[in-house]
Amino acid sequence: MSDIKLPVTASPIQLAGVCREWRQIILDYPLLWSHLDLIVHRSTLDRGYTDPTIWAERSRGSKISIHLREYYLFEYIEQDDDDSDTSTEYDDEEFAEAMEPLVRFLRPLMPQVESMTLVLYWPKDYVLSSLIDLWTTHGTLGTARSLKIRSYLEAPPSYLEPSGFASNDLERLQRHRHFFEPLELFHLDNTIMPKWSELSYHNLTSLYLSSFIEEWSLTSAELRAMLSSCPKLQHLTLCGLEVVDNHASQPLVTLNHLKTLFIRSTSNLPLLETVLSVIDSGANSLTLAIFIPVRPPSVKNRALAKMNTFLSRSNVTALHIHSSVIFFLTELGPLPRVRTLSLDGFIIAEEFYGSSVWRRNDVPYINPQPINPELHTWLTLETLHLSKCTLGLDHFRALFSLQRIRSLYLKDCEEEVQSDGQAWTSQPLSEAYTADLIYNSPKVVMYKPGWTPWLFQEYTTC
């Protein structure tokens, strides 16, 4: 841990030292002083921080964004004379002493801060509560616009619980409420906010909530109340939250400004079902991305039914689906307004011989939904992305002939072939197969190593 290599932070002070000409440009350009890129580590605390007055002067009242990445405040594993490991305990007083240089540097700048991004390692809960309390205490009401918190994913989640919540201090709690009301962007990654309902989020346009190991539990009514508190949402991402009940009778929540909706859960299907059941996105164009969790195949049908109902009442123009279960493309059914379809892990064939945790690999999966022109003529579909899909040539050709697809993108797809006239195996698409696809499509793009993946690239942080 002690030999960690810290990245170089961007600082106008360093740029100003390059030469006299650069110095003049840097000092006269306030926006360069409106972003603070900080590293919190034992070494940085030991040598302290620069004088904050230069930032206040050179920013000339501009709003400031803080990006803080915490590594290790303490070397908390020590070895005694017997070379045995012992854990060193630290109390709040020692934490406060270690944080004091950072707090002393940031305090006079807080009235200008409108955005804060925190990447936390350890002791993350103390660092988190200290910085949030510092912001709400010394910041300017009405200026907070963005708060992003990402906690170390291989550790238990952090808890965003400012001191006003814990102490039931009504004055502090009221200030927290007023302080967070202007927030437009709120992202919590592996960070839980137990008392969500205590605050108001009427101005949020982007909400990202991710619980890495599903420790954030809430009822379907609480989830609905959470969504109802954010009427201006344009982008919503929910990952790993655990819905402990599932009542489909919940009234719809109208989110007329919603543009993107991403739902991911590795095991908790009620999250997917509840969100799709309660959201009414109105007539605006919507991108929907969902991950079908690893469950017995029967559960897939429940998710599919909820998705089809949602598609029928929403203007979903881009649909992204990642499946962890056996899923044939023709099972999707009607796609009334979808222009772009992105699929990961789907089967586009009449049968599939791959292995599964739910079935022996020598028993074929038969496609339960044959091609039906009434169901599978997707008139609006223009672009098809396929990643890690298994294709059967005749089936794919027949389904493809019903569409008006202009662009086909393929990444790591396979075809099923029969070897020795007996066993079926999957192999990368052959040149003959690829040539046939290119011949029958206006545009075919084959993914090559080194290219930036196009499929789900906007959602991979979850």
Protein backbone atom coordinates (compact mmCIF):
# COMPACT_ATOMS: atom_id res chain seq x y z
CA MET A 1 0.00 0.00 0.00
CA SER A 2 2.79 2.42 0.83
CA ASP A 3 4.33 2.19 -2.66
CA ILE A 4 1.18 3.33 -4.45
CA LYS A 5 1.91 5.64 -7.38
CA LEU A 6 -0.12 8.80 -7.14
CA PRO A 7 -1.20 10.42 -10.41
CA VAL A 8 -0.15 13.93 -11.28
CA THR A 9 -2.95 16.39 -10.56
CA ALA A 10 -3.83 19.21 -12.91
CA SER A 11 -2.92 22.56 -11.35
CA PRO A 12 -2.70 26.05 -12.85
CA ILE A 13 0.08 26.75 -10.34
CA GLN A 14 2.29 24.20 -12.10
CA LEU A 15 1.33 25.56 -15.52
CA ALA A 16 2.16 29.10 -14.42
CA GLY A 17 5.70 27.97 -13.63
CA VAL A 18 6.50 26.92 -17.20
CA CYS A 19 7.48 30.37 -18.45
CA ARG A 20 6.62 34.07 -18.11
CA GLU A 21 4.19 34.03 -21.05
CA TRP A 22 2.29 31.03 -19.67
CA ARG A 23 2.23 32.61 -16.23
CA GLN A 24 0.51 35.72 -17.56
CA ILE A 25 -2.08 33.68 -19.45
CA ILE A 26 -2.79 31.42 -16.47
CA LEU A 27 -3.13 34.26 -13.98
CA ASP A 28 -5.53 36.18 -16.22
CA TYR A 29 -7.85 33.25 -16.99
CA PRO A 30 -10.31 32.69 -14.09
CA LEU A 31 -11.83 29.47 -15.43
CA LEU A 32 -8.50 27.65 -15.00
CA TRP A 33 -8.80 28.34 -11.28
CA SER A 34 -12.37 27.06 -11.06
CA HIS A 35 -11.41 23.36 -10.95
CA LEU A 36 -9.60 21.83 -7.97
CA ASP A 37 -8.07 18.40 -8.55
CA LEU A 38 -6.99 17.00 -5.17
CA ILE A 39 -5.39 13.81 -3.93
CA VAL A 40 -5.80 12.77 -0.31
CA HIS A 41 -3.00 10.50 0.83
CA ARG A 42 -0.72 10.31 3.83
CA SER A 43 2.10 11.90 1.83
CA THR A 44 -0.05 14.82 0.66
CA LEU A 45 -1.31 15.50 4.18
CA ASP A 46 2.22 15.53 5.54
CA ARG A 47 3.41 18.21 3.14
CA GLY A 48 0.20 20.26 3.29
CA TYR A 49 -1.62 22.25 0.67
CA THR A 50 -1.02 25.55 -1.09
CA ASP A 51 -2.45 28.81 0.20
CA PRO A 52 -6.17 28.85 -0.73
CA THR A 53 -6.22 32.63 -1.13
CA ILE A 54 -4.59 32.41 -4.55
CA TRP A 55 -7.47 30.23 -5.76
CA ALA A 56 -10.04 32.62 -4.33
CA GLU A 57 -8.32 35.63 -5.91
CA ARG A 58 -7.60 34.17 -9.34
CA SER A 59 -11.00 32.50 -9.78
CA ARG A 60 -12.56 35.97 -9.33
CA GLY A 61 -15.77 34.67 -7.88
CA SER A 62 -16.26 31.89 -10.46
CA LYS A 63 -18.03 28.76 -9.30
CA ILE A 64 -15.55 26.06 -8.26
CA SER A 65 -15.67 22.32 -8.96
CA ILE A 66 -13.77 19.98 -6.64
CA HIS A 67 -12.56 16.54 -7.73
CA LEU A 68 -11.05 14.68 -4.78
CA ARG A 69 -9.55 11.20 -4.86
CA GLU A 70 -8.68 9.58 -1.54
CA TYR A 71 -6.14 6.78 -1.32
CA TYR A 72 -4.94 5.97 2.22
CA LEU A 73 -4.92 8.33 5.16
CA PHE A 74 -3.14 5.85 7.40
CA GLU A 75 -0.91 2.83 7.13
CA TYR A 76 -3.39 0.95 9.25
CA ILE A 77 -1.74 -2.48 9.13
CA GLU A 78 1.41 -2.67 11.22
CA GLN A 79 3.78 -5.45 12.16
CA ASP A 80 5.10 -5.98 15.67
CA ASP A 81 8.39 -7.52 16.76
CA ASP A 82 6.99 -11.03 16.23
CA ASP A 83 6.15 -10.22 12.57
CA SER A 84 2.49 -10.84 13.36
CA ASP A 85 -0.14 -8.55 11.89
CA THR A 86 -2.08 -6.30 14.23
CA SER A 87 -4.82 -3.84 13.41
CA THR A 88 -4.34 -0.29 14.59
CA GLU A 89 -7.48 1.50 15.79
CA TYR A 90 -8.03 5.20 15.20
CA ASP A 91 -10.60 7.43 16.84
CA ASP A 92 -12.41 10.50 15.53
CA GLU A 93 -9.86 12.84 17.06
CA GLU A 94 -7.02 11.25 15.09
CA PHE A 95 -9.09 11.30 11.90
CA ALA A 96 -9.89 14.98 12.45
CA GLU A 97 -6.21 15.77 12.98
CA ALA A 98 -5.28 14.00 9.74
CA MET A 99 -8.03 15.81 7.82
CA GLU A 100 -7.29 19.27 9.25
CA PRO A 101 -4.83 20.38 6.49
CA LEU A 102 -7.40 19.54 3.82
CA VAL A 103 -10.28 21.15 5.72
CA ARG A 104 -8.19 24.26 6.40
CA PHE A 105 -7.40 24.55 2.69
CA LEU A 106 -10.98 24.05 1.47
CA ARG A 107 -12.91 26.06 4.08
CA PRO A 108 -12.42 29.56 2.55
CA LEU A 109 -13.24 28.22 -0.94
CA MET A 110 -16.51 26.53 0.01
CA PRO A 111 -18.76 29.57 -0.67
CA GLN A 112 -17.79 29.25 -4.36
CA VAL A 113 -18.13 25.46 -4.67
CA GLU A 114 -20.99 24.26 -6.88
CA SER A 115 -19.76 20.77 -7.77
CA MET A 116 -18.02 18.03 -5.80
CA THR A 117 -16.77 14.63 -6.98
CA LEU A 118 -15.40 12.30 -4.30
CA VAL A 119 -13.61 9.01 -4.97
CA LEU A 120 -13.08 7.37 -1.58
CA TYR A 121 -11.02 4.51 -0.19
CA TRP A 122 -10.37 4.54 3.59
CA PRO A 123 -11.47 5.80 6.09
CA LYS A 124 -14.15 6.76 3.60
CA ASP A 125 -17.14 7.31 5.90
CA TYR A 126 -15.25 9.83 8.01
CA VAL A 127 -13.84 11.65 4.99
CA LEU A 128 -17.28 11.69 3.38
CA SER A 129 -19.15 13.08 6.37
CA SER A 130 -16.40 15.65 7.03
CA LEU A 131 -16.46 17.05 3.50
CA ILE A 132 -20.25 17.09 3.17
CA ASP A 133 -20.60 18.84 6.54
CA LEU A 134 -17.91 21.31 5.49
CA TRP A 135 -19.78 22.06 2.26
CA THR A 136 -23.20 22.45 3.83
CA THR A 137 -21.85 24.53 6.72
CA HIS A 138 -19.58 26.92 4.79
CA GLY A 139 -21.07 26.71 1.30
CA THR A 140 -23.56 29.16 -0.16
CA LEU A 141 -27.21 28.13 -0.17
CA GLY A 142 -28.59 27.78 -3.68
CA THR A 143 -25.26 27.12 -5.43
CA ALA A 144 -24.86 23.31 -5.15
CA ARG A 145 -25.37 21.73 -8.58
CA SER A 146 -23.53 18.40 -8.66
CA LEU A 147 -22.50 15.75 -6.14
CA LYS A 148 -20.81 12.50 -7.18
CA ILE A 149 -19.56 9.95 -4.64
CA ARG A 150 -17.82 6.71 -5.56
CA SER A 151 -16.63 4.37 -2.82
CA TYR A 152 -14.09 1.58 -3.13
CA LEU A 153 -16.08 -1.27 -4.70
CA GLU A 154 -14.32 -4.14 -2.94
CA ALA A 155 -15.30 -2.84 0.50
CA PRO A 156 -18.69 -2.40 2.19
CA PRO A 157 -20.59 0.66 0.98
CA SER A 158 -20.22 4.12 2.44
CA TYR A 159 -23.12 5.82 4.17
CA LEU A 160 -24.02 9.37 3.31
CA GLU A 161 -25.49 10.49 6.60
CA PRO A 162 -24.56 14.10 7.44
CA SER A 163 -24.28 15.06 11.09
CA GLY A 164 -27.69 16.73 11.11
CA PHE A 165 -29.32 13.38 10.37
CA ALA A 166 -27.44 11.45 13.02
CA SER A 167 -27.90 14.01 15.80
CA ASN A 168 -31.49 14.99 14.91
CA ASP A 169 -30.31 18.60 14.97
CA LEU A 170 -33.35 20.31 13.41
CA GLU A 171 -31.46 23.47 12.46
CA ARG A 172 -28.71 21.51 10.72
CA LEU A 173 -31.23 19.21 9.09
CA GLN A 174 -33.15 22.18 7.73
CA ARG A 175 -29.94 23.64 6.30
CA HIS A 176 -29.12 20.33 4.65
CA ARG A 177 -32.57 20.30 3.06
CA HIS A 178 -32.19 23.79 1.64
CA PHE A 179 -28.60 23.14 0.60
CA PHE A 180 -29.35 20.03 -1.50
CA GLU A 181 -32.54 21.35 -3.11
CA PRO A 182 -30.71 23.00 -6.08
CA LEU A 183 -28.79 19.78 -6.95
CA GLU A 184 -29.17 18.85 -10.61
CA LEU A 185 -26.82 15.86 -10.70
CA PHE A 186 -26.59 13.31 -7.86
CA HIS A 187 -24.52 10.12 -8.26
CA LEU A 188 -23.95 7.59 -5.46
CA ASP A 189 -21.77 4.60 -6.37
CA ASN A 190 -21.45 1.97 -3.63
CA THR A 191 -22.75 4.69 -1.34
CA ILE A 192 -26.02 4.44 0.55
CA MET A 193 -28.20 7.29 1.74
CA PRO A 194 -30.43 5.76 4.45
CA LYS A 195 -32.66 8.81 4.96
CA TRP A 196 -33.36 9.71 1.35
CA SER A 197 -36.83 11.02 2.19
CA GLU A 198 -35.41 13.65 4.55
CA LEU A 199 -34.22 15.80 1.62
CA SER A 200 -35.80 17.37 -1.45
CA TYR A 201 -34.59 16.68 -5.00
CA HIS A 202 -37.07 18.56 -7.17
CA ASN A 203 -34.34 19.97 -9.44
CA LEU A 204 -32.49 16.72 -10.19
CA THR A 205 -31.98 15.98 -13.88
CA SER A 206 -29.50 13.09 -13.44
CA LEU A 207 -29.74 10.42 -10.72
CA TYR A 208 -27.34 7.48 -10.45
CA LEU A 209 -27.72 5.06 -7.53
CA SER A 210 -25.55 1.96 -7.36
CA SER A 211 -25.21 -0.50 -4.49
CA PHE A 212 -22.44 -2.93 -5.34
CA ILE A 213 -23.52 -5.80 -3.09
CA GLU A 214 -27.23 -4.97 -2.82
CA GLU A 215 -27.13 -3.59 0.72
CA TRP A 216 -29.50 -0.73 -0.09
CA SER A 217 -32.92 -2.25 0.62
CA LEU A 218 -36.21 -0.46 0.15
CA THR A 219 -39.84 -1.29 -0.47
CA SER A 220 -41.58 -0.72 -3.79
CA ALA A 221 -43.52 2.15 -2.18
CA GLU A 222 -40.25 3.77 -1.05
CA LEU A 223 -38.80 3.37 -4.54
CA ARG A 224 -41.88 5.00 -6.03
CA ALA A 225 -41.63 7.87 -3.51
CA MET A 226 -37.96 8.30 -4.45
CA LEU A 227 -38.84 8.64 -8.14
CA SER A 228 -41.77 10.93 -7.38
CA SER A 229 -39.43 13.34 -5.61
CA CYS A 230 -37.49 13.92 -8.87
CA PRO A 231 -40.04 15.17 -11.45
CA LYS A 232 -37.39 16.80 -13.70
CA LEU A 233 -35.28 13.67 -14.19
CA GLN A 234 -33.71 13.24 -17.62
CA HIS A 235 -31.26 10.43 -16.82
CA LEU A 236 -31.94 7.65 -14.30
CA THR A 237 -29.61 4.75 -13.45
CA LEU A 238 -30.45 2.19 -10.75
CA CYS A 239 -27.98 -0.62 -10.04
CA GLY A 240 -28.10 -3.26 -7.35
CA LEU A 241 -30.79 -1.75 -5.14
CA GLU A 242 -32.79 -4.47 -3.40
CA VAL A 243 -36.57 -4.18 -3.55
CA VAL A 244 -37.82 -6.32 -0.67
CA ASP A 245 -41.40 -6.50 -1.94
CA ASN A 246 -43.08 -6.02 -5.29
CA HIS A 247 -46.58 -4.57 -5.59
CA ALA A 248 -47.56 -4.03 -9.21
CA SER A 249 -50.55 -1.93 -8.13
CA GLN A 250 -48.35 1.09 -7.36
CA PRO A 251 -49.62 4.25 -9.17
CA LEU A 252 -47.57 5.49 -12.11
CA VAL A 253 -44.91 8.15 -11.60
CA THR A 254 -44.85 10.65 -14.46
CA LEU A 255 -41.35 11.58 -15.62
CA ASN A 256 -42.04 13.58 -18.77
CA HIS A 257 -38.42 14.72 -19.18
CA LEU A 258 -36.82 11.26 -18.94
CA LYS A 259 -34.35 10.53 -21.77
CA THR A 260 -32.37 7.52 -20.50
CA LEU A 261 -33.38 4.74 -18.11
CA PHE A 262 -30.86 2.08 -17.08
CA ILE A 263 -31.75 -0.76 -14.69
CA ARG A 264 -29.27 -3.39 -13.58
CA SER A 265 -29.43 -6.02 -10.88
CA THR A 266 -27.48 -9.25 -10.76
CA SER A 267 -30.06 -11.15 -8.73
CA ASN A 268 -32.97 -8.94 -7.64
CA LEU A 269 -35.71 -9.08 -10.28
CA PRO A 270 -38.23 -6.94 -8.29
CA LEU A 271 -36.04 -3.88 -8.95
CA LEU A 272 -36.52 -4.30 -12.70
CA GLU A 273 -40.20 -5.17 -12.36
CA THR A 274 -41.01 -2.31 -10.01
CA VAL A 275 -39.24 0.41 -12.00
CA LEU A 276 -40.82 -0.66 -15.29
CA SER A 277 -44.22 -0.89 -13.58
CA VAL A 278 -44.31 2.57 -12.01
CA ILE A 279 -42.61 4.89 -14.55
CA ASP A 280 -44.60 6.78 -17.15
CA SER A 281 -42.07 8.52 -19.41
CA GLY A 282 -44.65 10.27 -21.55
CA ALA A 283 -44.22 10.89 -25.27
CA ASN A 284 -40.57 11.94 -25.26
CA SER A 285 -37.96 9.74 -26.94
CA LEU A 286 -36.40 7.32 -24.42
CA THR A 287 -33.34 5.08 -24.34
CA LEU A 288 -33.96 1.98 -22.19
CA ALA A 289 -31.10 -0.28 -21.05
CA ILE A 290 -31.75 -3.33 -18.87
CA PHE A 291 -29.78 -6.31 -17.60
CA ILE A 292 -31.74 -9.56 -17.20
CA PRO A 293 -30.30 -11.07 -13.97
CA VAL A 294 -29.04 -14.63 -13.58
CA ARG A 295 -32.20 -16.50 -12.66
CA PRO A 296 -34.06 -19.68 -13.72
CA PRO A 297 -35.49 -19.26 -17.25
CA SER A 298 -39.05 -18.98 -15.89
CA VAL A 299 -38.17 -15.66 -14.25
CA LYS A 300 -37.13 -14.28 -17.64
CA ASN A 301 -40.76 -14.40 -18.75
CA ARG A 302 -41.78 -12.07 -15.90
CA ALA A 303 -39.14 -9.55 -16.89
CA LEU A 304 -40.14 -9.86 -20.54
CA ALA A 305 -43.80 -9.22 -19.74
CA LYS A 306 -42.96 -6.05 -17.78
CA MET A 307 -40.68 -4.83 -20.55
CA ASN A 308 -43.30 -5.41 -23.27
CA THR A 309 -45.91 -3.51 -21.26
CA PHE A 310 -43.47 -0.65 -20.78
CA LEU A 311 -42.61 -0.60 -24.50
CA SER A 312 -46.28 -0.45 -25.43
CA ARG A 313 -46.93 2.71 -23.39
CA SER A 314 -43.56 4.47 -23.81
CA ASN A 315 -41.73 6.01 -26.74
CA VAL A 316 -38.62 3.81 -26.46
CA THR A 317 -36.53 4.52 -29.56
CA ALA A 318 -33.30 2.83 -28.37
CA LEU A 319 -33.37 -0.49 -26.51
CA HIS A 320 -30.29 -2.13 -24.96
CA ILE A 321 -30.62 -5.59 -23.36
CA HIS A 322 -27.94 -7.70 -21.71
CA SER A 323 -29.10 -11.21 -20.84
CA SER A 324 -27.44 -13.64 -18.44
CA VAL A 325 -29.96 -16.38 -19.29
CA ILE A 326 -30.82 -18.21 -22.52
CA PHE A 327 -32.77 -15.64 -24.52
CA PHE A 328 -33.88 -16.05 -28.14
CA LEU A 329 -34.30 -12.85 -30.10
CA THR A 330 -37.77 -13.78 -31.35
CA GLU A 331 -38.97 -13.93 -27.74
CA LEU A 332 -38.87 -10.13 -27.68
CA GLY A 333 -42.05 -9.78 -29.70
CA PRO A 334 -43.23 -6.35 -30.94
CA LEU A 335 -40.89 -3.37 -30.83
CA PRO A 336 -43.36 -0.65 -31.81
CA ARG A 337 -41.09 2.40 -31.89
CA VAL A 338 -37.53 1.07 -31.46
CA ARG A 339 -35.04 2.42 -34.01
CA THR A 340 -31.82 1.13 -32.41
CA LEU A 341 -31.63 -2.34 -30.84
CA SER A 342 -28.51 -3.46 -28.92
CA LEU A 343 -28.32 -7.05 -27.69
CA ASP A 344 -25.71 -8.83 -25.59
CA GLY A 345 -25.77 -12.61 -25.10
CA PHE A 346 -28.80 -13.41 -27.27
CA ILE A 347 -29.52 -16.46 -29.43
CA ILE A 348 -30.65 -15.82 -33.01
CA ALA A 349 -31.36 -19.37 -34.12
CA GLU A 350 -34.02 -22.10 -34.06
CA GLU A 351 -32.16 -24.04 -31.37
CA PHE A 352 -29.13 -23.69 -29.15
CA TYR A 353 -26.73 -26.33 -27.84
CA GLY A 354 -24.75 -24.21 -25.41
CA SER A 355 -24.33 -25.08 -21.74
CA SER A 356 -26.22 -23.46 -18.88
CA VAL A 357 -26.35 -23.73 -15.11
CA TRP A 358 -30.04 -24.59 -15.52
CA ARG A 359 -29.70 -27.39 -18.08
CA ARG A 360 -27.37 -30.11 -19.40
CA ASN A 361 -25.28 -28.99 -22.33
CA ASP A 362 -26.17 -32.07 -24.41
CA VAL A 363 -29.88 -31.14 -24.46
CA PRO A 364 -30.72 -28.51 -27.08
CA TYR A 365 -32.73 -25.42 -26.27
CA ILE A 366 -35.58 -25.12 -28.74
CA ASN A 367 -36.66 -21.61 -29.67
CA PRO A 368 -40.14 -21.30 -28.10
CA GLN A 369 -41.18 -18.53 -30.50
CA PRO A 370 -40.83 -19.27 -34.23
CA ILE A 371 -40.53 -16.34 -36.59
CA ASN A 372 -43.92 -14.67 -37.02
CA PRO A 373 -44.08 -11.80 -39.53
CA GLU A 374 -46.86 -10.14 -37.53
CA LEU A 375 -44.74 -10.08 -34.37
CA HIS A 376 -41.25 -9.75 -35.79
CA THR A 377 -41.56 -7.21 -38.58
CA TRP A 378 -40.03 -4.29 -36.74
CA LEU A 379 -40.81 -1.50 -39.18
CA THR A 380 -39.01 1.26 -37.28
CA LEU A 381 -35.78 -0.69 -36.64
CA GLU A 382 -32.81 0.85 -38.47
CA THR A 383 -29.71 -0.13 -36.47
CA LEU A 384 -28.89 -3.49 -34.87
CA HIS A 385 -25.95 -4.05 -32.50
CA LEU A 386 -25.09 -7.66 -31.60
CA SER A 387 -22.46 -8.51 -28.98
CA LYS A 388 -21.57 -12.07 -27.92
CA CYS A 389 -24.63 -13.43 -29.70
CA THR A 390 -24.96 -16.90 -31.26
CA LEU A 391 -26.32 -16.95 -34.80
CA GLY A 392 -27.95 -19.62 -36.95
CA LEU A 393 -27.53 -18.67 -40.59
CA ASP A 394 -30.92 -19.73 -41.98
CA HIS A 395 -32.86 -18.37 -39.01
CA PHE A 396 -30.95 -15.10 -38.99
CA ARG A 397 -31.40 -14.66 -42.75
CA ALA A 398 -35.16 -15.27 -42.49
CA LEU A 399 -35.59 -12.84 -39.59
CA PHE A 400 -33.32 -10.26 -41.19
CA SER A 401 -35.34 -10.31 -44.42
CA LEU A 402 -38.38 -8.94 -42.55
CA GLN A 403 -36.54 -5.83 -41.41
CA ARG A 404 -35.43 -2.56 -42.98
CA ILE A 405 -32.11 -2.48 -41.13
CA ARG A 406 -29.59 0.00 -42.50
CA SER A 407 -26.65 -0.83 -40.22
CA LEU A 408 -25.57 -4.07 -38.55
CA TYR A 409 -22.77 -4.07 -35.96
CA LEU A 410 -21.20 -7.34 -34.76
CA LYS A 411 -18.85 -7.91 -31.82
CA ASP A 412 -17.56 -11.32 -30.66
CA CYS A 413 -20.52 -13.16 -32.20
CA GLU A 414 -20.46 -16.88 -32.98
CA GLU A 415 -22.20 -19.33 -35.27
CA GLU A 416 -23.28 -22.83 -34.36
CA VAL A 417 -21.76 -25.53 -36.54
CA GLN A 418 -22.11 -29.30 -36.57
CA SER A 419 -18.85 -31.22 -36.38
CA ASP A 420 -18.52 -34.82 -37.62
CA GLY A 421 -22.22 -34.84 -38.36
CA GLN A 422 -23.05 -35.13 -34.65
CA ALA A 423 -22.07 -32.60 -31.98
CA TRP A 424 -22.89 -28.92 -32.35
CA THR A 425 -20.33 -26.37 -31.27
CA SER A 426 -19.98 -22.62 -31.44
CA GLN A 427 -17.17 -20.91 -33.30
CA PRO A 428 -16.36 -17.36 -34.41
CA LEU A 429 -18.21 -16.26 -37.50
CA SER A 430 -16.65 -17.75 -40.62
CA GLU A 431 -15.61 -15.68 -43.62
CA ALA A 432 -18.43 -17.23 -45.66
CA TYR A 433 -20.97 -16.29 -43.01
CA THR A 434 -19.63 -12.76 -42.79
CA ALA A 435 -19.65 -12.40 -46.57
CA ASP A 436 -23.30 -13.49 -46.64
CA LEU A 437 -24.21 -10.87 -44.04
CA ILE A 438 -22.38 -8.15 -45.92
CA TYR A 439 -24.12 -9.15 -49.15
CA ASN A 440 -27.57 -8.91 -47.56
CA SER A 441 -27.11 -5.71 -45.53
CA PRO A 442 -26.46 -2.13 -46.65
CA LYS A 443 -23.83 -1.73 -43.93
CA VAL A 444 -22.05 -4.31 -41.77
CA VAL A 445 -19.35 -3.36 -39.26
CA MET A 446 -17.26 -6.08 -37.61
CA TYR A 447 -15.69 -5.13 -34.29
CA LYS A 448 -11.90 -5.34 -34.24
CA PRO A 449 -9.55 -5.64 -31.23
CA GLY A 450 -8.56 -2.25 -29.91
CA TRP A 451 -11.75 -0.52 -30.91
CA THR A 452 -13.81 1.19 -28.25
CA PRO A 453 -16.88 -0.98 -27.62
CA TRP A 454 -20.07 0.67 -28.79
CA LEU A 455 -22.45 -1.60 -26.90
CA PHE A 456 -23.38 -0.46 -23.40
CA GLN A 457 -20.38 1.89 -23.33
CA GLU A 458 -22.49 4.55 -21.58
CA TYR A 459 -23.50 2.17 -18.80
CA THR A 460 -20.38 0.15 -17.99
CA THR A 461 -19.59 2.09 -14.81
CA CYS A 462 -22.44 0.42 -13.05
